Amino acid sequence: CIEDCRYLLEYHPEKLTTEEKTNVLSLSIFSHIQLKMYDTAMQHVRELLKLSPQNKEALVLEVLVTERMGRRQAAIEKISTLIHQYPDDAYLYLDRAKMYECENLLDLALLDLQAAQKLNPQQYGIESEIKRLNQLREKRK
């Protein structure tokens, strides 16, 4: 089905519903990320955002592709905007915490982990991540 949908998306987009176009583009983005074809993935993200500019999934995919392209600071800025729009989404805080840790911004990463834990206390692994980052921060002092 995905191949048929890709064909239709490319050659007969008028035959697909917006939902079908969205699904095909999302799958294509994930496929291209797996293949490390980030420029193509970003092209599909842009197409997805044209279809639905406020689509949260598309905006999150934009962050992911931006980060994978090595533009982590831009990805942090984009995810920060999403957090402002969706302040109750613990997963956004978790994703930004990972980016902060990669940038060696451990204090900011810890704040995001704590925010995620407050929003979703049952989320598996947050407490151990907080402990690990606290230990890492102490070693670096």
N, C-alpha and C. Protein backbone atom coordinates (compact mmCIF):
# COMPACT_ATOMS: atom_id res chain seq x y z
N CYS A 1 0.82 -1.20 0.00
CA CYS A 1 0.00 0.00 0.00
C CYS A 1 0.86 1.26 0.00
N ILE A 2 1.96 1.24 0.78
CA ILE A 2 2.77 2.45 0.87
C ILE A 2 3.36 2.82 -0.49
N GLU A 3 3.77 1.82 -1.26
CA GLU A 3 4.31 2.10 -2.60
C GLU A 3 3.23 2.70 -3.50
N ASP A 4 2.02 2.15 -3.42
CA ASP A 4 0.91 2.69 -4.20
C ASP A 4 0.62 4.14 -3.79
N CYS A 5 0.65 4.37 -2.50
CA CYS A 5 0.38 5.72 -2.00
C CYS A 5 1.48 6.69 -2.41
N ARG A 6 2.74 6.24 -2.36
CA ARG A 6 3.84 7.10 -2.81
C ARG A 6 3.68 7.45 -4.28
N TYR A 7 3.32 6.45 -5.07
CA TYR A 7 3.09 6.68 -6.49
C TYR A 7 1.98 7.72 -6.68
N LEU A 8 0.88 7.52 -5.97
CA LEU A 8 -0.23 8.47 -6.08
C LEU A 8 0.18 9.85 -5.60
N LEU A 9 0.94 9.91 -4.53
CA LEU A 9 1.38 11.20 -3.99
C LEU A 9 2.23 11.94 -5.01
N GLU A 10 3.07 11.20 -5.71
CA GLU A 10 3.96 11.83 -6.67
C GLU A 10 3.26 12.18 -7.98
N TYR A 11 2.42 11.27 -8.48
CA TYR A 11 1.86 11.46 -9.82
C TYR A 11 0.38 11.86 -9.86
N HIS A 12 -0.35 11.52 -8.81
CA HIS A 12 -1.78 11.85 -8.78
C HIS A 12 -2.20 12.27 -7.36
N PRO A 13 -1.60 13.32 -6.84
CA PRO A 13 -1.90 13.71 -5.44
C PRO A 13 -3.37 14.06 -5.20
N GLU A 14 -4.07 14.46 -6.25
CA GLU A 14 -5.48 14.82 -6.10
C GLU A 14 -6.34 13.62 -5.72
N LYS A 15 -5.83 12.40 -5.90
CA LYS A 15 -6.59 11.20 -5.59
C LYS A 15 -6.46 10.77 -4.13
N LEU A 16 -5.58 11.42 -3.38
CA LEU A 16 -5.38 11.08 -1.97
C LEU A 16 -6.05 12.11 -1.07
N THR A 17 -6.59 11.65 0.04
CA THR A 17 -7.12 12.57 1.04
C THR A 17 -5.94 13.22 1.76
N THR A 18 -6.22 14.29 2.46
CA THR A 18 -5.17 14.95 3.24
C THR A 18 -4.59 14.00 4.28
N GLU A 19 -5.45 13.20 4.89
CA GLU A 19 -4.97 12.23 5.89
C GLU A 19 -4.04 11.20 5.25
N GLU A 20 -4.39 10.73 4.07
CA GLU A 20 -3.54 9.76 3.37
C GLU A 20 -2.20 10.39 2.99
N LYS A 21 -2.23 11.62 2.50
CA LYS A 21 -0.99 12.33 2.17
C LYS A 21 -0.11 12.49 3.41
N THR A 22 -0.74 12.85 4.51
CA THR A 22 -0.02 13.02 5.77
C THR A 22 0.63 11.72 6.20
N ASN A 23 -0.11 10.63 6.12
CA ASN A 23 0.43 9.32 6.52
C ASN A 23 1.59 8.89 5.63
N VAL A 24 1.44 9.07 4.33
CA VAL A 24 2.50 8.69 3.40
C VAL A 24 3.75 9.52 3.65
N LEU A 25 3.58 10.82 3.82
CA LEU A 25 4.74 11.68 4.07
C LEU A 25 5.42 11.33 5.38
N SER A 26 4.64 11.07 6.42
CA SER A 26 5.23 10.70 7.72
C SER A 26 6.05 9.42 7.60
N LEU A 27 5.49 8.42 6.94
CA LEU A 27 6.23 7.17 6.75
C LEU A 27 7.50 7.40 5.93
N SER A 28 7.39 8.21 4.93
CA SER A 28 8.55 8.52 4.09
C SER A 28 9.63 9.23 4.90
N ILE A 29 9.23 10.14 5.76
CA ILE A 29 10.18 10.86 6.60
C ILE A 29 10.94 9.88 7.49
N PHE A 30 10.20 8.99 8.15
CA PHE A 30 10.86 8.00 9.01
C PHE A 30 11.80 7.11 8.21
N SER A 31 11.38 6.71 7.02
CA SER A 31 12.23 5.87 6.18
C SER A 31 13.53 6.59 5.81
N HIS A 32 13.40 7.84 5.43
CA HIS A 32 14.59 8.60 5.04
C HIS A 32 15.50 8.90 6.24
N ILE A 33 14.93 9.06 7.40
CA ILE A 33 15.76 9.23 8.60
C ILE A 33 16.56 7.96 8.84
N GLN A 34 15.90 6.81 8.75
CA GLN A 34 16.59 5.53 8.94
C GLN A 34 17.72 5.36 7.94
N LEU A 35 17.54 5.84 6.72
CA LEU A 35 18.55 5.74 5.68
C LEU A 35 19.58 6.87 5.75
N LYS A 36 19.42 7.74 6.74
CA LYS A 36 20.29 8.92 6.93
C LYS A 36 20.26 9.85 5.73
N MET A 37 19.11 9.90 5.10
CA MET A 37 18.89 10.81 3.97
C MET A 37 18.11 12.02 4.48
N TYR A 38 18.82 12.83 5.26
CA TYR A 38 18.16 13.90 6.00
C TYR A 38 17.64 15.02 5.11
N ASP A 39 18.33 15.34 4.02
CA ASP A 39 17.82 16.39 3.13
C ASP A 39 16.48 16.00 2.53
N THR A 40 16.37 14.75 2.10
CA THR A 40 15.10 14.27 1.55
C THR A 40 14.03 14.24 2.64
N ALA A 41 14.41 13.79 3.83
CA ALA A 41 13.46 13.78 4.95
C ALA A 41 12.94 15.19 5.22
N MET A 42 13.84 16.17 5.19
CA MET A 42 13.42 17.55 5.44
C MET A 42 12.51 18.07 4.33
N GLN A 43 12.76 17.67 3.10
CA GLN A 43 11.86 18.06 2.00
C GLN A 43 10.45 17.55 2.27
N HIS A 44 10.35 16.32 2.75
CA HIS A 44 9.04 15.74 3.05
C HIS A 44 8.41 16.42 4.28
N VAL A 45 9.24 16.81 5.24
CA VAL A 45 8.72 17.56 6.39
C VAL A 45 8.09 18.86 5.90
N ARG A 46 8.77 19.54 5.01
CA ARG A 46 8.24 20.81 4.48
C ARG A 46 6.91 20.58 3.75
N GLU A 47 6.84 19.49 2.97
CA GLU A 47 5.58 19.17 2.28
C GLU A 47 4.47 18.90 3.29
N LEU A 48 4.82 18.18 4.35
CA LEU A 48 3.85 17.85 5.39
C LEU A 48 3.36 19.12 6.08
N LEU A 49 4.28 20.04 6.35
CA LEU A 49 3.90 21.29 7.00
C LEU A 49 3.07 22.19 6.08
N LYS A 50 3.27 22.06 4.76
CA LYS A 50 2.41 22.80 3.83
C LYS A 50 0.97 22.29 3.90
N LEU A 51 0.84 20.96 4.03
CA LEU A 51 -0.50 20.37 4.14
C LEU A 51 -1.18 20.78 5.44
N SER A 52 -0.39 20.81 6.50
CA SER A 52 -0.95 21.05 7.83
C SER A 52 0.08 21.79 8.69
N PRO A 53 0.11 23.12 8.59
CA PRO A 53 1.16 23.91 9.25
C PRO A 53 1.23 23.75 10.77
N GLN A 54 0.14 23.41 11.41
CA GLN A 54 0.14 23.27 12.86
C GLN A 54 0.09 21.81 13.31
N ASN A 55 0.39 20.90 12.41
CA ASN A 55 0.40 19.48 12.73
C ASN A 55 1.54 19.20 13.70
N LYS A 56 1.19 18.82 14.92
CA LYS A 56 2.20 18.62 15.96
C LYS A 56 3.21 17.55 15.56
N GLU A 57 2.73 16.46 14.98
CA GLU A 57 3.65 15.39 14.57
C GLU A 57 4.66 15.91 13.55
N ALA A 58 4.20 16.71 12.60
CA ALA A 58 5.09 17.27 11.59
C ALA A 58 6.11 18.21 12.22
N LEU A 59 5.68 18.99 13.18
CA LEU A 59 6.59 19.90 13.86
C LEU A 59 7.64 19.14 14.67
N VAL A 60 7.23 18.05 15.29
CA VAL A 60 8.19 17.21 16.03
C VAL A 60 9.16 16.55 15.06
N LEU A 61 8.66 16.09 13.93
CA LEU A 61 9.55 15.50 12.91
C LEU A 61 10.54 16.53 12.39
N GLU A 62 10.10 17.76 12.27
CA GLU A 62 11.01 18.83 11.85
C GLU A 62 12.15 18.98 12.85
N VAL A 63 11.82 18.93 14.13
CA VAL A 63 12.85 19.00 15.17
C VAL A 63 13.82 17.84 15.05
N LEU A 64 13.27 16.64 14.89
CA LEU A 64 14.09 15.44 14.80
C LEU A 64 15.05 15.50 13.61
N VAL A 65 14.54 15.86 12.46
CA VAL A 65 15.38 15.92 11.26
C VAL A 65 16.42 17.03 11.41
N THR A 66 16.02 18.16 11.93
CA THR A 66 16.96 19.27 12.14
C THR A 66 18.11 18.82 13.03
N GLU A 67 17.77 18.12 14.10
CA GLU A 67 18.81 17.64 15.03
C GLU A 67 19.71 16.61 14.34
N ARG A 68 19.13 15.70 13.59
CA ARG A 68 19.92 14.67 12.89
C ARG A 68 20.82 15.28 11.82
N MET A 69 20.45 16.44 11.30
CA MET A 69 21.27 17.12 10.29
C MET A 69 22.45 17.83 10.94
N GLY A 70 22.56 17.73 12.26
CA GLY A 70 23.68 18.36 12.95
C GLY A 70 23.42 19.79 13.36
N ARG A 71 22.18 20.20 13.30
CA ARG A 71 21.81 21.57 13.65
C ARG A 71 21.07 21.55 14.99
N ARG A 72 21.80 21.10 16.01
CA ARG A 72 21.17 20.87 17.31
C ARG A 72 20.64 22.16 17.94
N GLN A 73 21.38 23.25 17.82
CA GLN A 73 20.91 24.51 18.42
C GLN A 73 19.59 24.95 17.79
N ALA A 74 19.48 24.81 16.48
CA ALA A 74 18.22 25.14 15.80
C ALA A 74 17.12 24.20 16.26
N ALA A 75 17.45 22.93 16.44
CA ALA A 75 16.46 21.96 16.93
C ALA A 75 16.00 22.32 18.33
N ILE A 76 16.92 22.76 19.18
CA ILE A 76 16.55 23.17 20.54
C ILE A 76 15.60 24.36 20.48
N GLU A 77 15.88 25.30 19.60
CA GLU A 77 14.99 26.46 19.46
C GLU A 77 13.60 26.04 19.00
N LYS A 78 13.54 25.12 18.03
CA LYS A 78 12.26 24.65 17.53
C LYS A 78 11.47 23.89 18.59
N ILE A 79 12.16 23.03 19.33
CA ILE A 79 11.44 22.25 20.35
C ILE A 79 11.03 23.14 21.52
N SER A 80 11.79 24.17 21.78
CA SER A 80 11.40 25.12 22.82
C SER A 80 10.10 25.83 22.45
N THR A 81 9.96 26.15 21.16
CA THR A 81 8.71 26.74 20.68
C THR A 81 7.55 25.77 20.87
N LEU A 82 7.80 24.49 20.55
CA LEU A 82 6.77 23.47 20.73
C LEU A 82 6.39 23.33 22.21
N ILE A 83 7.38 23.37 23.08
CA ILE A 83 7.10 23.26 24.52
C ILE A 83 6.24 24.44 24.96
N HIS A 84 6.49 25.60 24.40
CA HIS A 84 5.66 26.76 24.72
C HIS A 84 4.22 26.54 24.26
N GLN A 85 4.05 25.89 23.09
CA GLN A 85 2.72 25.62 22.56
C GLN A 85 2.03 24.45 23.27
N TYR A 86 2.82 23.47 23.69
CA TYR A 86 2.29 22.25 24.32
C TYR A 86 3.00 22.00 25.65
N PRO A 87 2.76 22.86 26.64
CA PRO A 87 3.52 22.76 27.90
C PRO A 87 3.23 21.51 28.71
N ASP A 88 2.19 20.77 28.38
CA ASP A 88 1.85 19.56 29.14
C ASP A 88 2.35 18.28 28.48
N ASP A 89 3.18 18.40 27.47
CA ASP A 89 3.70 17.23 26.77
C ASP A 89 5.07 16.85 27.34
N ALA A 90 5.09 15.84 28.20
CA ALA A 90 6.32 15.41 28.87
C ALA A 90 7.37 14.96 27.87
N TYR A 91 6.94 14.36 26.77
CA TYR A 91 7.90 13.83 25.80
C TYR A 91 8.73 14.93 25.14
N LEU A 92 8.16 16.10 24.97
CA LEU A 92 8.92 17.21 24.41
C LEU A 92 10.05 17.62 25.36
N TYR A 93 9.75 17.64 26.66
CA TYR A 93 10.79 17.95 27.64
C TYR A 93 11.89 16.89 27.63
N LEU A 94 11.49 15.62 27.49
CA LEU A 94 12.48 14.54 27.45
C LEU A 94 13.38 14.68 26.22
N ASP A 95 12.79 14.99 25.09
CA ASP A 95 13.59 15.16 23.87
C ASP A 95 14.56 16.33 24.00
N ARG A 96 14.07 17.43 24.54
CA ARG A 96 14.96 18.59 24.70
C ARG A 96 16.04 18.30 25.72
N ALA A 97 15.72 17.55 26.76
CA ALA A 97 16.74 17.18 27.76
C ALA A 97 17.89 16.42 27.11
N LYS A 98 17.56 15.51 26.20
CA LYS A 98 18.60 14.76 25.49
C LYS A 98 19.49 15.69 24.68
N MET A 99 18.87 16.65 24.03
CA MET A 99 19.65 17.61 23.23
C MET A 99 20.53 18.47 24.13
N TYR A 100 19.97 18.92 25.25
CA TYR A 100 20.76 19.71 26.18
C TYR A 100 21.96 18.89 26.70
N GLU A 101 21.73 17.63 26.99
CA GLU A 101 22.83 16.80 27.47
C GLU A 101 23.91 16.69 26.40
N CYS A 102 23.53 16.51 25.16
CA CYS A 102 24.50 16.44 24.06
C CYS A 102 25.31 17.73 23.94
N GLU A 103 24.71 18.83 24.32
CA GLU A 103 25.39 20.13 24.29
C GLU A 103 26.11 20.42 25.60
N ASN A 104 26.12 19.44 26.49
CA ASN A 104 26.75 19.55 27.81
C ASN A 104 26.10 20.63 28.67
N LEU A 105 24.82 20.85 28.48
CA LEU A 105 24.05 21.79 29.28
C LEU A 105 23.25 20.97 30.30
N LEU A 106 23.98 20.42 31.25
CA LEU A 106 23.38 19.45 32.16
C LEU A 106 22.34 20.06 33.09
N ASP A 107 22.56 21.29 33.53
CA ASP A 107 21.57 21.93 34.40
C ASP A 107 20.23 22.09 33.68
N LEU A 108 20.29 22.51 32.42
CA LEU A 108 19.05 22.65 31.65
C LEU A 108 18.42 21.29 31.37
N ALA A 109 19.25 20.30 31.09
CA ALA A 109 18.73 18.94 30.87
C ALA A 109 18.02 18.44 32.12
N LEU A 110 18.61 18.67 33.29
CA LEU A 110 17.97 18.25 34.54
C LEU A 110 16.64 18.95 34.77
N LEU A 111 16.59 20.24 34.47
CA LEU A 111 15.32 20.98 34.63
C LEU A 111 14.24 20.38 33.75
N ASP A 112 14.60 20.02 32.52
CA ASP A 112 13.61 19.42 31.62
C ASP A 112 13.19 18.03 32.10
N LEU A 113 14.13 17.25 32.60
CA LEU A 113 13.77 15.93 33.13
C LEU A 113 12.83 16.07 34.32
N GLN A 114 13.09 17.03 35.17
CA GLN A 114 12.22 17.26 36.32
C GLN A 114 10.84 17.71 35.89
N ALA A 115 10.78 18.55 34.86
CA ALA A 115 9.48 18.99 34.33
C ALA A 115 8.71 17.80 33.75
N ALA A 116 9.41 16.94 33.03
CA ALA A 116 8.77 15.75 32.45
C ALA A 116 8.28 14.83 33.56
N GLN A 117 9.07 14.68 34.60
CA GLN A 117 8.67 13.81 35.71
C GLN A 117 7.44 14.37 36.43
N LYS A 118 7.40 15.67 36.58
CA LYS A 118 6.24 16.30 37.22
C LYS A 118 4.97 16.09 36.38
N LEU A 119 5.12 16.18 35.06
CA LEU A 119 3.97 16.00 34.17
C LEU A 119 3.53 14.54 34.08
N ASN A 120 4.50 13.63 34.18
CA ASN A 120 4.21 12.21 34.00
C ASN A 120 5.01 11.39 35.00
N PRO A 121 4.57 11.39 36.26
CA PRO A 121 5.35 10.72 37.31
C PRO A 121 5.56 9.22 37.09
N GLN A 122 4.68 8.59 36.32
CA GLN A 122 4.81 7.15 36.08
C GLN A 122 5.74 6.82 34.91
N GLN A 123 6.23 7.84 34.22
CA GLN A 123 7.10 7.60 33.06
C GLN A 123 8.34 6.83 33.49
N TYR A 124 8.48 5.67 32.92
CA TYR A 124 9.59 4.79 33.26
C TYR A 124 10.94 5.42 32.88
N GLY A 125 11.87 5.42 33.81
CA GLY A 125 13.23 5.80 33.52
C GLY A 125 13.61 7.24 33.81
N ILE A 126 12.65 8.11 34.05
CA ILE A 126 13.01 9.52 34.27
C ILE A 126 13.83 9.67 35.55
N GLU A 127 13.40 9.00 36.59
CA GLU A 127 14.11 9.13 37.87
C GLU A 127 15.57 8.67 37.74
N SER A 128 15.78 7.56 37.04
CA SER A 128 17.15 7.08 36.86
C SER A 128 17.97 8.02 35.99
N GLU A 129 17.32 8.66 35.02
CA GLU A 129 18.03 9.64 34.17
C GLU A 129 18.42 10.87 34.99
N ILE A 130 17.53 11.31 35.88
CA ILE A 130 17.85 12.44 36.75
C ILE A 130 19.05 12.09 37.63
N LYS A 131 19.03 10.89 38.19
CA LYS A 131 20.14 10.44 39.04
C LYS A 131 21.45 10.39 38.24
N ARG A 132 21.38 9.82 37.03
CA ARG A 132 22.57 9.71 36.19
C ARG A 132 23.14 11.08 35.84
N LEU A 133 22.27 12.03 35.47
CA LEU A 133 22.76 13.36 35.12
C LEU A 133 23.31 14.10 36.33
N ASN A 134 22.70 13.91 37.48
CA ASN A 134 23.23 14.53 38.72
C ASN A 134 24.63 13.98 39.00
N GLN A 135 24.82 12.68 38.84
CA GLN A 135 26.14 12.08 39.05
C GLN A 135 27.16 12.62 38.04
N LEU A 136 26.75 12.72 36.80
CA LEU A 136 27.62 13.25 35.75
C LEU A 136 27.99 14.70 36.04
N ARG A 137 27.02 15.45 36.48
CA ARG A 137 27.27 16.87 36.80
C ARG A 137 28.25 17.00 37.95
N GLU A 138 28.11 16.15 38.96
CA GLU A 138 29.03 16.18 40.11
C GLU A 138 30.45 15.81 39.71
N LYS A 139 30.60 14.84 38.80
CA LYS A 139 31.93 14.44 38.34
C LYS A 139 32.62 15.57 37.60
N ARG A 140 31.86 16.39 36.93
CA ARG A 140 32.43 17.47 36.12
C ARG A 140 32.75 18.72 36.91
N LYS A 141 32.36 18.74 38.17
CA LYS A 141 32.66 19.94 38.99
C LYS A 141 34.09 19.94 39.44
